[in-house]
Amino acid sequence: DVYKRQPEGISLSCLEAMMAGCKIVGYSGMGCREYFNDSLCDEIPQGDVIKFVHSVERIASAFESGSDDFVSSAVRAQKHVRDTYSAERESRDLYDFYNSVV
């Protein structure tokens, strides 16, 4: 049954879409809860088609109207991805991990 799947890992495609200025709407798979929060993404409970449709309608309306909220949300998401998943941070995390095991 499709609704009894195991939780998934983090999705890089969602992070890439956020960097491109897209609004993310969907199921986090639990692994993406690291960045699925109300200010960056619209998390939809698994199988809740009605909530998905309402969210897409609301976002499409904001986009079509040129809403400042839509633009500022995209900018916040881009900044979050850039700051949180930077090459510098990855290097630092790997260095810290290596030093903790040697």
PDB file of N, CA and C in Angstrom:
ATOM      1  N   ASP A   1       0.843  -1.187   0.000  1.00  0.00           N
ATOM      2  CA  ASP A   1       0.000   0.000   0.000  1.00  0.00           C
ATOM      3  C   ASP A   1       0.882   1.243   0.000  1.00  0.00           C
ATOM      4  N   VAL A   2       0.606   2.170  -0.888  1.00  0.00           N
ATOM      5  CA  VAL A   2       1.426   3.357  -1.066  1.00  0.00           C
ATOM      6  C   VAL A   2       1.467   4.237   0.190  1.00  0.00           C
ATOM      7  N   TYR A   3       0.460   4.191   1.033  1.00  0.00           N
ATOM      8  CA  TYR A   3       0.417   5.049   2.217  1.00  0.00           C
ATOM      9  C   TYR A   3       1.105   4.441   3.426  1.00  0.00           C
ATOM     10  N   LYS A   4       1.739   3.298   3.260  1.00  0.00           N
ATOM     11  CA  LYS A   4       2.434   2.668   4.379  1.00  0.00           C
ATOM     12  C   LYS A   4       3.923   2.522   4.090  1.00  0.00           C
ATOM     13  N   ARG A   5       4.454   3.414   3.261  1.00  0.00           N
ATOM     14  CA  ARG A   5       5.873   3.381   2.933  1.00  0.00           C
ATOM     15  C   ARG A   5       6.706   3.765   4.143  1.00  0.00           C
ATOM     16  N   GLN A   6       7.973   3.389   4.077  1.00  0.00           N
ATOM     17  CA  GLN A   6       8.924   3.776   5.110  1.00  0.00           C
ATOM     18  C   GLN A   6       9.308   5.245   4.907  1.00  0.00           C
ATOM     19  N   PRO A   7       9.683   5.927   5.972  1.00  0.00           N
ATOM     20  CA  PRO A   7      10.153   7.306   5.828  1.00  0.00           C
ATOM     21  C   PRO A   7      11.353   7.367   4.879  1.00  0.00           C
ATOM     22  N   GLU A   8      11.489   8.471   4.193  1.00  0.00           N
ATOM     23  CA  GLU A   8      12.560   8.654   3.220  1.00  0.00           C
ATOM     24  C   GLU A   8      13.639   9.559   3.781  1.00  0.00           C
ATOM     25  N   GLY A   9      14.766   9.612   3.092  1.00  0.00           N
ATOM     26  CA  GLY A   9      15.858  10.492   3.480  1.00  0.00           C
ATOM     27  C   GLY A   9      15.646  11.896   2.932  1.00  0.00           C
ATOM     28  N   ILE A  10      16.629  12.744   3.154  1.00  0.00           N
ATOM     29  CA  ILE A  10      16.538  14.136   2.704  1.00  0.00           C
ATOM     30  C   ILE A  10      16.552  14.193   1.177  1.00  0.00           C
ATOM     31  N   SER A  11      15.774  15.084   0.627  1.00  0.00           N
ATOM     32  CA  SER A  11      15.663  15.226  -0.828  1.00  0.00           C
ATOM     33  C   SER A  11      16.481  16.412  -1.299  1.00  0.00           C
ATOM     34  N   LEU A  12      17.478  16.135  -2.119  1.00  0.00           N
ATOM     35  CA  LEU A  12      18.272  17.230  -2.669  1.00  0.00           C
ATOM     36  C   LEU A  12      17.493  17.984  -3.741  1.00  0.00           C
ATOM     37  N   SER A  13      16.564  17.313  -4.406  1.00  0.00           N
ATOM     38  CA  SER A  13      15.804  18.002  -5.456  1.00  0.00           C
ATOM     39  C   SER A  13      14.975  19.146  -4.872  1.00  0.00           C
ATOM     40  N   CYS A  14      14.458  18.979  -3.671  1.00  0.00           N
ATOM     41  CA  CYS A  14      13.710  20.081  -3.035  1.00  0.00           C
ATOM     42  C   CYS A  14      14.642  21.240  -2.701  1.00  0.00           C
ATOM     43  N   LEU A  15      15.830  20.933  -2.217  1.00  0.00           N
ATOM     44  CA  LEU A  15      16.802  21.995  -1.918  1.00  0.00           C
ATOM     45  C   LEU A  15      17.207  22.730  -3.193  1.00  0.00           C
ATOM     46  N   GLU A  16      17.402  21.979  -4.267  1.00  0.00           N
ATOM     47  CA  GLU A  16      17.745  22.601  -5.551  1.00  0.00           C
ATOM     48  C   GLU A  16      16.609  23.506  -6.031  1.00  0.00           C
ATOM     49  N   ALA A  17      15.380  23.049  -5.887  1.00  0.00           N
ATOM     50  CA  ALA A  17      14.227  23.861  -6.287  1.00  0.00           C
ATOM     51  C   ALA A  17      14.140  25.128  -5.446  1.00  0.00           C
ATOM     52  N   MET A  18      14.414  25.017  -4.152  1.00  0.00           N
ATOM     53  CA  MET A  18      14.386  26.196  -3.289  1.00  0.00           C
ATOM     54  C   MET A  18      15.448  27.197  -3.730  1.00  0.00           C
ATOM     55  N   MET A  19      16.633  26.720  -4.110  1.00  0.00           N
ATOM     56  CA  MET A  19      17.687  27.616  -4.590  1.00  0.00           C
ATOM     57  C   MET A  19      17.286  28.306  -5.885  1.00  0.00           C
ATOM     58  N   ALA A  20      16.410  27.670  -6.652  1.00  0.00           N
ATOM     59  CA  ALA A  20      15.933  28.256  -7.906  1.00  0.00           C
ATOM     60  C   ALA A  20      14.764  29.208  -7.683  1.00  0.00           C
ATOM     61  N   GLY A  21      14.336  29.367  -6.428  1.00  0.00           N
ATOM     62  CA  GLY A  21      13.255  30.298  -6.115  1.00  0.00           C
ATOM     63  C   GLY A  21      11.871  29.677  -6.129  1.00  0.00           C
ATOM     64  N   CYS A  22      11.808  28.358  -6.172  1.00  0.00           N
ATOM     65  CA  CYS A  22      10.511  27.672  -6.190  1.00  0.00           C
ATOM     66  C   CYS A  22       9.962  27.496  -4.783  1.00  0.00           C
ATOM     67  N   LYS A  23       8.663  27.517  -4.657  1.00  0.00           N
ATOM     68  CA  LYS A  23       7.986  27.223  -3.387  1.00  0.00           C
ATOM     69  C   LYS A  23       7.749  25.716  -3.349  1.00  0.00           C
ATOM     70  N   ILE A  24       8.106  25.081  -2.266  1.00  0.00           N
ATOM     71  CA  ILE A  24       7.978  23.630  -2.126  1.00  0.00           C
ATOM     72  C   ILE A  24       6.669  23.301  -1.427  1.00  0.00           C
ATOM     73  N   VAL A  25       5.896  22.425  -2.058  1.00  0.00           N
ATOM     74  CA  VAL A  25       4.630  21.954  -1.513  1.00  0.00           C
ATOM     75  C   VAL A  25       4.635  20.449  -1.642  1.00  0.00           C
ATOM     76  N   GLY A  26       4.459  19.746  -0.540  1.00  0.00           N
ATOM     77  CA  GLY A  26       4.398  18.295  -0.637  1.00  0.00           C
ATOM     78  C   GLY A  26       4.708  17.602   0.665  1.00  0.00           C
ATOM     79  N   TYR A  27       4.855  16.305   0.560  1.00  0.00           N
ATOM     80  CA  TYR A  27       5.147  15.433   1.694  1.00  0.00           C
ATOM     81  C   TYR A  27       6.648  15.436   1.952  1.00  0.00           C
ATOM     82  N   SER A  28       7.045  15.600   3.183  1.00  0.00           N
ATOM     83  CA  SER A  28       8.470  15.694   3.510  1.00  0.00           C
ATOM     84  C   SER A  28       9.173  14.346   3.487  1.00  0.00           C
ATOM     85  N   GLY A  29       8.431  13.265   3.535  1.00  0.00           N
ATOM     86  CA  GLY A  29       9.076  11.965   3.626  1.00  0.00           C
ATOM     87  C   GLY A  29       9.786  11.778   4.958  1.00  0.00           C
ATOM     88  N   MET A  30       9.559  12.692   5.859  1.00  0.00           N
ATOM     89  CA  MET A  30      10.143  12.777   7.187  1.00  0.00           C
ATOM     90  C   MET A  30      11.606  13.215   7.132  1.00  0.00           C
ATOM     91  N   GLY A  31      12.383  12.782   6.143  1.00  0.00           N
ATOM     92  CA  GLY A  31      13.786  13.177   6.049  1.00  0.00           C
ATOM     93  C   GLY A  31      13.972  14.645   5.724  1.00  0.00           C
ATOM     94  N   CYS A  32      12.989  15.245   5.083  1.00  0.00           N
ATOM     95  CA  CYS A  32      13.094  16.660   4.695  1.00  0.00           C
ATOM     96  C   CYS A  32      12.561  17.594   5.767  1.00  0.00           C
ATOM     97  N   ARG A  33      12.125  17.065   6.878  1.00  0.00           N
ATOM     98  CA  ARG A  33      11.626  17.944   7.944  1.00  0.00           C
ATOM     99  C   ARG A  33      12.709  18.859   8.466  1.00  0.00           C
ATOM    100  N   GLU A  34      13.949  18.536   8.128  1.00  0.00           N
ATOM    101  CA  GLU A  34      15.073  19.396   8.495  1.00  0.00           C
ATOM    102  C   GLU A  34      14.863  20.808   7.953  1.00  0.00           C
ATOM    103  N   TYR A  35      14.229  20.916   6.792  1.00  0.00           N
ATOM    104  CA  TYR A  35      13.996  22.242   6.221  1.00  0.00           C
ATOM    105  C   TYR A  35      12.541  22.500   5.843  1.00  0.00           C
ATOM    106  N   PHE A  36      11.661  21.527   5.994  1.00  0.00           N
ATOM    107  CA  PHE A  36      10.238  21.764   5.746  1.00  0.00           C
ATOM    108  C   PHE A  36       9.675  22.465   6.975  1.00  0.00           C
ATOM    109  N   ASN A  37       9.589  23.773   6.917  1.00  0.00           N
ATOM    110  CA  ASN A  37       8.949  24.505   7.994  1.00  0.00           C
ATOM    111  C   ASN A  37       8.046  25.551   7.372  1.00  0.00           C
ATOM    112  N   ASP A  38       7.163  26.096   8.153  1.00  0.00           N
ATOM    113  CA  ASP A  38       6.119  26.982   7.625  1.00  0.00           C
ATOM    114  C   ASP A  38       6.652  28.196   6.875  1.00  0.00           C
ATOM    115  N   SER A  39       7.824  28.670   7.213  1.00  0.00           N
ATOM    116  CA  SER A  39       8.321  29.863   6.524  1.00  0.00           C
ATOM    117  C   SER A  39       9.016  29.528   5.207  1.00  0.00           C
ATOM    118  N   LEU A  40       9.368  28.252   4.986  1.00  0.00           N
ATOM    119  CA  LEU A  40      10.098  27.884   3.775  1.00  0.00           C
ATOM    120  C   LEU A  40       9.305  26.983   2.832  1.00  0.00           C
ATOM    121  N   CYS A  41       8.539  26.060   3.359  1.00  0.00           N
ATOM    122  CA  CYS A  41       7.841  25.049   2.553  1.00  0.00           C
ATOM    123  C   CYS A  41       6.448  24.809   3.122  1.00  0.00           C
ATOM    124  N   ASP A  42       5.587  24.245   2.298  1.00  0.00           N
ATOM    125  CA  ASP A  42       4.274  23.810   2.772  1.00  0.00           C
ATOM    126  C   ASP A  42       4.279  22.290   2.833  1.00  0.00           C
ATOM    127  N   GLU A  43       4.392  21.762   4.045  1.00  0.00           N
ATOM    128  CA  GLU A  43       4.367  20.303   4.194  1.00  0.00           C
ATOM    129  C   GLU A  43       2.926  19.820   4.184  1.00  0.00           C
ATOM    130  N   ILE A  44       2.675  18.835   3.362  1.00  0.00           N
ATOM    131  CA  ILE A  44       1.351  18.245   3.248  1.00  0.00           C
ATOM    132  C   ILE A  44       1.405  16.845   3.842  1.00  0.00           C
ATOM    133  N   PRO A  45       0.493  16.526   4.765  1.00  0.00           N
ATOM    134  CA  PRO A  45       0.479  15.167   5.294  1.00  0.00           C
ATOM    135  C   PRO A  45       0.290  14.154   4.159  1.00  0.00           C
ATOM    136  N   GLN A  46       0.925  13.024   4.295  1.00  0.00           N
ATOM    137  CA  GLN A  46       0.858  11.999   3.266  1.00  0.00           C
ATOM    138  C   GLN A  46      -0.597  11.666   2.921  1.00  0.00           C
ATOM    139  N   GLY A  47      -0.935  11.795   1.648  1.00  0.00           N
ATOM    140  CA  GLY A  47      -2.261  11.439   1.174  1.00  0.00           C
ATOM    141  C   GLY A  47      -3.322  12.520   1.287  1.00  0.00           C
ATOM    142  N   ASP A  48      -2.998  13.686   1.834  1.00  0.00           N
ATOM    143  CA  ASP A  48      -4.000  14.746   2.019  1.00  0.00           C
ATOM    144  C   ASP A  48      -4.099  15.601   0.750  1.00  0.00           C
ATOM    145  N   VAL A  49      -4.823  15.090  -0.222  1.00  0.00           N
ATOM    146  CA  VAL A  49      -4.945  15.747  -1.525  1.00  0.00           C
ATOM    147  C   VAL A  49      -5.648  17.093  -1.404  1.00  0.00           C
ATOM    148  N   ILE A  50      -6.643  17.193  -0.552  1.00  0.00           N
ATOM    149  CA  ILE A  50      -7.389  18.449  -0.380  1.00  0.00           C
ATOM    150  C   ILE A  50      -6.462  19.558   0.112  1.00  0.00           C
ATOM    151  N   LYS A  51      -5.664  19.269   1.126  1.00  0.00           N
ATOM    152  CA  LYS A  51      -4.733  20.275   1.637  1.00  0.00           C
ATOM    153  C   LYS A  51      -3.702  20.642   0.572  1.00  0.00           C
ATOM    154  N   PHE A  52      -3.275  19.669  -0.204  1.00  0.00           N
ATOM    155  CA  PHE A  52      -2.321  19.929  -1.282  1.00  0.00           C
ATOM    156  C   PHE A  52      -2.914  20.915  -2.295  1.00  0.00           C
ATOM    157  N   VAL A  53      -4.130  20.652  -2.728  1.00  0.00           N
ATOM    158  CA  VAL A  53      -4.787  21.520  -3.714  1.00  0.00           C
ATOM    159  C   VAL A  53      -4.970  22.931  -3.152  1.00  0.00           C
ATOM    160  N   HIS A  54      -5.417  23.044  -1.912  1.00  0.00           N
ATOM    161  CA  HIS A  54      -5.609  24.370  -1.312  1.00  0.00           C
ATOM    162  C   HIS A  54      -4.283  25.132  -1.217  1.00  0.00           C
ATOM    163  N   SER A  55      -3.231  24.436  -0.874  1.00  0.00           N
ATOM    164  CA  SER A  55      -1.921  25.071  -0.769  1.00  0.00           C
ATOM    165  C   SER A  55      -1.437  25.558  -2.132  1.00  0.00           C
ATOM    166  N   VAL A  56      -1.571  24.723  -3.146  1.00  0.00           N
ATOM    167  CA  VAL A  56      -1.151  25.109  -4.497  1.00  0.00           C
ATOM    168  C   VAL A  56      -1.975  26.304  -4.990  1.00  0.00           C
ATOM    169  N   GLU A  57      -3.278  26.303  -4.737  1.00  0.00           N
ATOM    170  CA  GLU A  57      -4.124  27.427  -5.142  1.00  0.00           C
ATOM    171  C   GLU A  57      -3.692  28.721  -4.466  1.00  0.00           C
ATOM    172  N   ARG A  58      -3.392  28.654  -3.177  1.00  0.00           N
ATOM    173  CA  ARG A  58      -2.978  29.839  -2.425  1.00  0.00           C
ATOM    174  C   ARG A  58      -1.648  30.379  -2.956  1.00  0.00           C
ATOM    175  N   ILE A  59      -0.710  29.486  -3.209  1.00  0.00           N
ATOM    176  CA  ILE A  59       0.606  29.904  -3.693  1.00  0.00           C
ATOM    177  C   ILE A  59       0.517  30.435  -5.121  1.00  0.00           C
ATOM    178  N   ALA A  60      -0.259  29.780  -5.965  1.00  0.00           N
ATOM    179  CA  ALA A  60      -0.432  30.247  -7.348  1.00  0.00           C
ATOM    180  C   ALA A  60      -1.065  31.637  -7.367  1.00  0.00           C
ATOM    181  N   SER A  61      -2.011  31.868  -6.499  1.00  0.00           N
ATOM    182  CA  SER A  61      -2.655  33.173  -6.412  1.00  0.00           C
ATOM    183  C   SER A  61      -1.648  34.244  -5.979  1.00  0.00           C
ATOM    184  N   ALA A  62      -0.823  33.918  -4.987  1.00  0.00           N
ATOM    185  CA  ALA A  62       0.204  34.864  -4.521  1.00  0.00           C
ATOM    186  C   ALA A  62       1.199  35.155  -5.636  1.00  0.00           C
ATOM    187  N   PHE A  63       1.571  34.134  -6.387  1.00  0.00           N
ATOM    188  CA  PHE A  63       2.506  34.312  -7.497  1.00  0.00           C
ATOM    189  C   PHE A  63       1.902  35.199  -8.586  1.00  0.00           C
ATOM    190  N   GLU A  64       0.675  34.887  -8.965  1.00  0.00           N
ATOM    191  CA  GLU A  64       0.006  35.647 -10.036  1.00  0.00           C
ATOM    192  C   GLU A  64      -0.213  37.111  -9.668  1.00  0.00           C
ATOM    193  N   SER A  65      -0.450  37.370  -8.397  1.00  0.00           N
ATOM    194  CA  SER A  65      -0.699  38.748  -7.971  1.00  0.00           C
ATOM    195  C   SER A  65       0.600  39.526  -7.751  1.00  0.00           C
ATOM    196  N   GLY A  66       1.737  38.846  -7.850  1.00  0.00           N
ATOM    197  CA  GLY A  66       3.014  39.525  -7.630  1.00  0.00           C
ATOM    198  C   GLY A  66       3.232  39.878  -6.175  1.00  0.00           C
ATOM    199  N   SER A  67       2.654  39.094  -5.287  1.00  0.00           N
ATOM    200  CA  SER A  67       2.715  39.345  -3.851  1.00  0.00           C
ATOM    201  C   SER A  67       4.159  39.445  -3.342  1.00  0.00           C
ATOM    202  N   ASP A  68       4.402  40.467  -2.527  1.00  0.00           N
ATOM    203  CA  ASP A  68       5.708  40.603  -1.886  1.00  0.00           C
ATOM    204  C   ASP A  68       6.003  39.414  -0.989  1.00  0.00           C
ATOM    205  N   ASP A  69       4.964  38.825  -0.386  1.00  0.00           N
ATOM    206  CA  ASP A  69       5.159  37.654   0.472  1.00  0.00           C
ATOM    207  C   ASP A  69       5.740  36.487  -0.312  1.00  0.00           C
ATOM    208  N   PHE A  70       5.272  36.313  -1.551  1.00  0.00           N
ATOM    209  CA  PHE A  70       5.785  35.215  -2.382  1.00  0.00           C
ATOM    210  C   PHE A  70       7.271  35.410  -2.649  1.00  0.00           C
ATOM    211  N   VAL A  71       7.641  36.615  -3.033  1.00  0.00           N
ATOM    212  CA  VAL A  71       9.036  36.909  -3.349  1.00  0.00           C
ATOM    213  C   VAL A  71       9.912  36.804  -2.105  1.00  0.00           C
ATOM    214  N   SER A  72       9.478  37.374  -1.001  1.00  0.00           N
ATOM    215  CA  SER A  72      10.297  37.328   0.219  1.00  0.00           C
ATOM    216  C   SER A  72      10.440  35.897   0.729  1.00  0.00           C
ATOM    217  N   SER A  73       9.417  35.079   0.544  1.00  0.00           N
ATOM    218  CA  SER A  73       9.499  33.666   0.935  1.00  0.00           C
ATOM    219  C   SER A  73      10.560  32.938   0.108  1.00  0.00           C
ATOM    220  N   ALA A  74      10.593  33.218  -1.198  1.00  0.00           N
ATOM    221  CA  ALA A  74      11.589  32.597  -2.073  1.00  0.00           C
ATOM    222  C   ALA A  74      12.998  33.044  -1.687  1.00  0.00           C
ATOM    223  N   VAL A  75      13.159  34.313  -1.380  1.00  0.00           N
ATOM    224  CA  VAL A  75      14.468  34.841  -0.981  1.00  0.00           C
ATOM    225  C   VAL A  75      14.922  34.213   0.339  1.00  0.00           C
ATOM    226  N   ARG A  76      14.004  34.090   1.306  1.00  0.00           N
ATOM    227  CA  ARG A  76      14.333  33.441   2.592  1.00  0.00           C
ATOM    228  C   ARG A  76      14.759  31.990   2.378  1.00  0.00           C
ATOM    229  N   ALA A  77      14.049  31.281   1.507  1.00  0.00           N
ATOM    230  CA  ALA A  77      14.377  29.878   1.243  1.00  0.00           C
ATOM    231  C   ALA A  77      15.757  29.763   0.603  1.00  0.00           C
ATOM    232  N   GLN A  78      16.051  30.632  -0.360  1.00  0.00           N
ATOM    233  CA  GLN A  78      17.369  30.613  -0.990  1.00  0.00           C
ATOM    234  C   GLN A  78      18.473  30.881   0.030  1.00  0.00           C
ATOM    235  N   LYS A  79      18.269  31.866   0.877  1.00  0.00           N
ATOM    236  CA  LYS A  79      19.267  32.195   1.898  1.00  0.00           C
ATOM    237  C   LYS A  79      19.458  31.031   2.867  1.00  0.00           C
ATOM    238  N   HIS A  80      18.355  30.405   3.268  1.00  0.00           N
ATOM    239  CA  HIS A  80      18.440  29.271   4.191  1.00  0.00           C
ATOM    240  C   HIS A  80      19.269  28.139   3.580  1.00  0.00           C
ATOM    241  N   VAL A  81      18.989  27.789   2.339  1.00  0.00           N
ATOM    242  CA  VAL A  81      19.733  26.704   1.686  1.00  0.00           C
ATOM    243  C   VAL A  81      21.196  27.090   1.532  1.00  0.00           C
ATOM    244  N   ARG A  82      21.453  28.288   1.071  1.00  0.00           N
ATOM    245  CA  ARG A  82      22.830  28.750   0.863  1.00  0.00           C
ATOM    246  C   ARG A  82      23.621  28.752   2.177  1.00  0.00           C
ATOM    247  N   ASP A  83      23.003  29.218   3.260  1.00  0.00           N
ATOM    248  CA  ASP A  83      23.701  29.301   4.547  1.00  0.00           C
ATOM    249  C   ASP A  83      23.832  27.937   5.233  1.00  0.00           C
ATOM    250  N   THR A  84      22.788  27.128   5.135  1.00  0.00           N
ATOM    251  CA  THR A  84      22.761  25.863   5.866  1.00  0.00           C
ATOM    252  C   THR A  84      23.550  24.758   5.178  1.00  0.00           C
ATOM    253  N   TYR A  85      23.551  24.746   3.862  1.00  0.00           N
ATOM    254  CA  TYR A  85      24.169  23.644   3.122  1.00  0.00           C
ATOM    255  C   TYR A  85      25.356  24.118   2.275  1.00  0.00           C
ATOM    256  N   SER A  86      26.117  25.037   2.803  1.00  0.00           N
ATOM    257  CA  SER A  86      27.261  25.584   2.065  1.00  0.00           C
ATOM    258  C   SER A  86      28.425  24.593   2.052  1.00  0.00           C
ATOM    259  N   ALA A  87      29.311  24.776   1.083  1.00  0.00           N
ATOM    260  CA  ALA A  87      30.511  23.945   0.999  1.00  0.00           C
ATOM    261  C   ALA A  87      31.383  24.148   2.236  1.00  0.00           C
ATOM    262  N   GLU A  88      31.421  25.370   2.734  1.00  0.00           N
ATOM    263  CA  GLU A  88      32.226  25.654   3.930  1.00  0.00           C
ATOM    264  C   GLU A  88      31.696  24.889   5.137  1.00  0.00           C
ATOM    265  N   ARG A  89      30.380  24.865   5.276  1.00  0.00           N
ATOM    266  CA  ARG A  89      29.799  24.146   6.409  1.00  0.00           C
ATOM    267  C   ARG A  89      30.046  22.649   6.276  1.00  0.00           C
ATOM    268  N   GLU A  90      29.919  22.116   5.071  1.00  0.00           N
ATOM    269  CA  GLU A  90      30.168  20.689   4.877  1.00  0.00           C
ATOM    270  C   GLU A  90      31.618  20.354   5.224  1.00  0.00           C
ATOM    271  N   SER A  91      32.546  21.182   4.793  1.00  0.00           N
ATOM    272  CA  SER A  91      33.959  20.960   5.114  1.00  0.00           C
ATOM    273  C   SER A  91      34.186  20.994   6.619  1.00  0.00           C
ATOM    274  N   ARG A  92      33.600  21.977   7.277  1.00  0.00           N
ATOM    275  CA  ARG A  92      33.750  22.105   8.725  1.00  0.00           C
ATOM    276  C   ARG A  92      33.160  20.899   9.445  1.00  0.00           C
ATOM    277  N   ASP A  93      31.968  20.463   9.013  1.00  0.00           N
ATOM    278  CA  ASP A  93      31.331  19.297   9.640  1.00  0.00           C
ATOM    279  C   ASP A  93      32.166  18.034   9.449  1.00  0.00           C
ATOM    280  N   LEU A  94      32.713  17.840   8.255  1.00  0.00           N
ATOM    281  CA  LEU A  94      33.560  16.667   7.999  1.00  0.00           C
ATOM    282  C   LEU A  94      34.841  16.724   8.828  1.00  0.00           C
ATOM    283  N   TYR A  95      35.436  17.905   8.918  1.00  0.00           N
ATOM    284  CA  TYR A  95      36.645  18.088   9.715  1.00  0.00           C
ATOM    285  C   TYR A  95      36.359  17.784  11.189  1.00  0.00           C
ATOM    286  N   ASP A  96      35.261  18.329  11.707  1.00  0.00           N
ATOM    287  CA  ASP A  96      34.893  18.088  13.104  1.00  0.00           C
ATOM    288  C   ASP A  96      34.610  16.601  13.352  1.00  0.00           C
ATOM    289  N   PHE A  97      33.928  15.959  12.430  1.00  0.00           N
ATOM    290  CA  PHE A  97      33.647  14.526  12.583  1.00  0.00           C
ATOM    291  C   PHE A  97      34.951  13.733  12.591  1.00  0.00           C
ATOM    292  N   TYR A  98      35.823  14.008  11.638  1.00  0.00           N
ATOM    293  CA  TYR A  98      37.105  13.296  11.548  1.00  0.00           C
ATOM    294  C   TYR A  98      37.879  13.465  12.837  1.00  0.00           C
ATOM    295  N   ASN A  99      37.949  14.672  13.364  1.00  0.00           N
ATOM    296  CA  ASN A  99      38.679  14.919  14.608  1.00  0.00           C
ATOM    297  C   ASN A  99      38.052  14.236  15.806  1.00  0.00           C
ATOM    298  N   SER A 100      36.759  13.974  15.742  1.00  0.00           N
ATOM    299  CA  SER A 100      36.105  13.315  16.882  1.00  0.00           C
ATOM    300  C   SER A 100      36.358  11.807  16.920  1.00  0.00           C
ATOM    301  N   VAL A 101      36.771  11.226  15.789  1.00  0.00           N
ATOM    302  CA  VAL A 101      37.001   9.764  15.755  1.00  0.00           C
ATOM    303  C   VAL A 101      38.460   9.380  15.764  1.00  0.00           C
ATOM    304  N   VAL A 102      39.372  10.346  15.590  1.00  0.00           N
ATOM    305  CA  VAL A 102      40.803  10.017  15.612  1.00  0.00           C
ATOM    306  C   VAL A 102      41.439  10.420  16.898  1.00  0.00           C
TER     307      VAL A 102
END
